[in-house]
Protein backbone atom coordinates (compact mmCIF):
# COMPACT_ATOMS: atom_id res chain seq x y z
CA MET A 1 -21.82 -21.46 -10.66
CA LYS A 2 -25.41 -22.91 -11.56
CA GLU A 3 -28.57 -21.05 -12.59
CA TYR A 4 -31.75 -21.05 -10.17
CA LEU A 5 -35.12 -19.67 -10.62
CA LEU A 6 -37.09 -18.45 -7.73
CA LEU A 7 -41.19 -18.46 -8.45
CA PHE A 8 -42.75 -16.71 -5.75
CA ARG A 9 -46.50 -17.49 -4.56
CA GLY A 10 -49.03 -15.98 -2.13
CA GLY A 11 -47.80 -13.10 -0.19
CA GLU A 12 -49.99 -10.13 -0.34
CA GLY A 13 -50.45 -6.92 -2.26
CA PRO A 14 -50.88 -3.45 -1.71
CA ASP A 15 -54.23 -3.88 -0.81
CA ASP A 16 -53.64 -6.43 2.10
CA HIS A 17 -51.29 -3.74 3.84
CA GLU A 18 -53.26 -1.39 6.58
CA SER A 19 -51.75 1.63 5.36
CA PRO A 20 -49.57 2.68 1.67
CA GLU A 21 -46.49 3.38 4.17
CA ALA A 22 -46.44 -0.25 5.38
CA TRP A 23 -46.67 -1.15 1.13
CA GLN A 24 -44.00 0.89 0.80
CA GLN A 25 -41.74 -0.24 3.73
CA HIS A 26 -42.41 -3.89 2.78
CA MET A 27 -40.91 -3.15 -1.08
CA GLN A 28 -38.03 -1.39 0.30
CA LYS A 29 -37.37 -4.77 1.71
CA TRP A 30 -37.85 -6.43 -1.77
CA MET A 31 -35.18 -3.46 -2.90
CA GLN A 32 -32.62 -4.05 0.09
CA TRP A 33 -32.74 -8.08 -0.56
CA MET A 34 -32.34 -7.89 -4.43
CA GLY A 35 -29.49 -5.14 -4.48
CA SER A 36 -27.34 -7.28 -2.39
CA LEU A 37 -27.45 -9.78 -4.81
CA GLN A 38 -26.51 -7.79 -7.26
CA GLU A 39 -23.76 -6.55 -5.64
CA ASP A 40 -23.08 -10.05 -4.73
CA GLY A 41 -22.83 -11.05 -8.54
CA LYS A 42 -25.61 -13.19 -8.38
CA LEU A 43 -28.63 -11.33 -9.70
CA ILE A 44 -29.53 -12.56 -13.27
CA GLY A 45 -32.86 -11.00 -13.30
CA ALA A 46 -36.39 -10.46 -11.38
CA GLN A 47 -39.51 -8.90 -12.46
CA PRO A 48 -43.01 -9.39 -10.86
CA LEU A 49 -46.10 -10.60 -13.02
CA ASN A 50 -49.78 -9.01 -13.85
CA GLU A 51 -52.21 -11.52 -12.58
CA THR A 52 -53.94 -11.93 -15.82
CA GLY A 53 -52.70 -13.64 -19.11
CA LYS A 54 -53.53 -16.42 -21.34
CA VAL A 55 -52.78 -20.00 -21.34
CA VAL A 56 -52.42 -22.17 -24.96
CA ARG A 57 -53.04 -26.10 -24.15
CA GLY A 58 -52.06 -28.85 -25.82
CA THR A 59 -52.00 -30.34 -29.87
CA GLY A 60 -55.12 -27.59 -30.93
CA LYS A 61 -53.04 -24.68 -29.21
CA VAL A 62 -56.55 -23.72 -27.67
CA ILE A 63 -55.91 -19.71 -26.17
CA SER A 64 -58.09 -19.48 -23.01
CA ASP A 65 -58.19 -16.65 -20.58
CA GLY A 66 -55.70 -17.43 -17.47
CA PRO A 67 -54.53 -18.87 -15.06
CA PHE A 68 -57.13 -19.26 -12.89
CA MET A 69 -55.90 -20.57 -9.57
CA GLU A 70 -56.30 -19.93 -6.14
CA GLY A 71 -54.14 -16.70 -4.66
CA LYS A 72 -51.47 -18.99 -3.12
CA GLU A 73 -51.00 -20.99 -6.05
CA MET A 74 -50.43 -17.82 -8.46
CA VAL A 75 -47.08 -17.16 -9.41
CA GLY A 76 -46.69 -13.55 -8.72
CA GLY A 77 -42.95 -13.02 -9.91
CA TYR A 78 -39.45 -14.75 -10.52
CA LEU A 79 -35.84 -14.09 -9.76
CA ALA A 80 -33.06 -15.56 -11.80
CA CYS A 81 -29.93 -15.83 -9.09
CA LYS A 82 -26.72 -17.71 -9.88
CA ALA A 83 -25.41 -20.09 -6.53
CA ASN A 84 -22.69 -22.50 -6.28
CA SER A 85 -25.04 -25.20 -5.12
CA TYR A 86 -28.60 -25.74 -4.37
CA ASP A 87 -28.09 -25.16 -0.74
CA GLU A 88 -27.04 -21.84 -1.43
CA ALA A 89 -30.03 -21.12 -3.69
CA LEU A 90 -31.90 -22.34 -0.30
CA GLU A 91 -29.94 -19.96 1.35
CA ILE A 92 -30.94 -16.66 -0.86
CA SER A 93 -34.28 -17.56 -1.00
CA SER A 94 -34.89 -17.45 2.84
CA GLY A 95 -33.71 -14.03 2.67
CA CYS A 96 -36.99 -13.35 0.64
CA PRO A 97 -39.27 -10.95 1.90
CA ILE A 98 -42.55 -12.90 0.59
CA LEU A 99 -41.88 -14.93 3.90
CA GLU A 100 -42.98 -12.23 6.02
CA PHE A 101 -46.31 -13.49 5.10
CA GLU A 102 -47.97 -16.91 6.31
CA ASN A 103 -48.74 -17.96 3.11
CA GLY A 104 -45.69 -16.53 1.23
CA ILE A 105 -43.76 -19.18 -0.84
CA VAL A 106 -40.72 -19.45 -2.81
CA GLU A 107 -40.21 -22.44 -5.14
CA VAL A 108 -36.73 -23.23 -5.92
CA ARG A 109 -35.78 -24.62 -9.02
CA GLU A 110 -32.38 -25.44 -10.56
CA ILE A 111 -32.32 -24.15 -14.19
CA SER A 112 -30.92 -26.92 -16.70
CA GLU A 113 -28.40 -26.69 -19.28
CA LEU A 114 -30.07 -27.37 -22.61
CA LYS A 115 -27.65 -29.40 -24.86
CA MET A 116 -28.06 -29.12 -28.14
């Protein structure tokens, strides 16, 4: 089995929902989706990311505030999973609740094995 990283971009936050109850229902869908992956032995780990952070750039290792980008481009979280193929990883990603929103994006990347 190979490992894949799913990066979540866009979607909506708690302030974008009509009510706290609607946000809670949306979050419950995330828990169910990730719970089913865990039951299938495919979930490696997953976490949301804070919107703020720091960026280290170049050979001078210059540290600045960031990342600054449009909301739909910002990585809001990730999920690492196991799948037998890229197609299976894409199938897993298609169940992601972020895709309920027009601007929701799941980027699927295969994790390469580091050869040392």
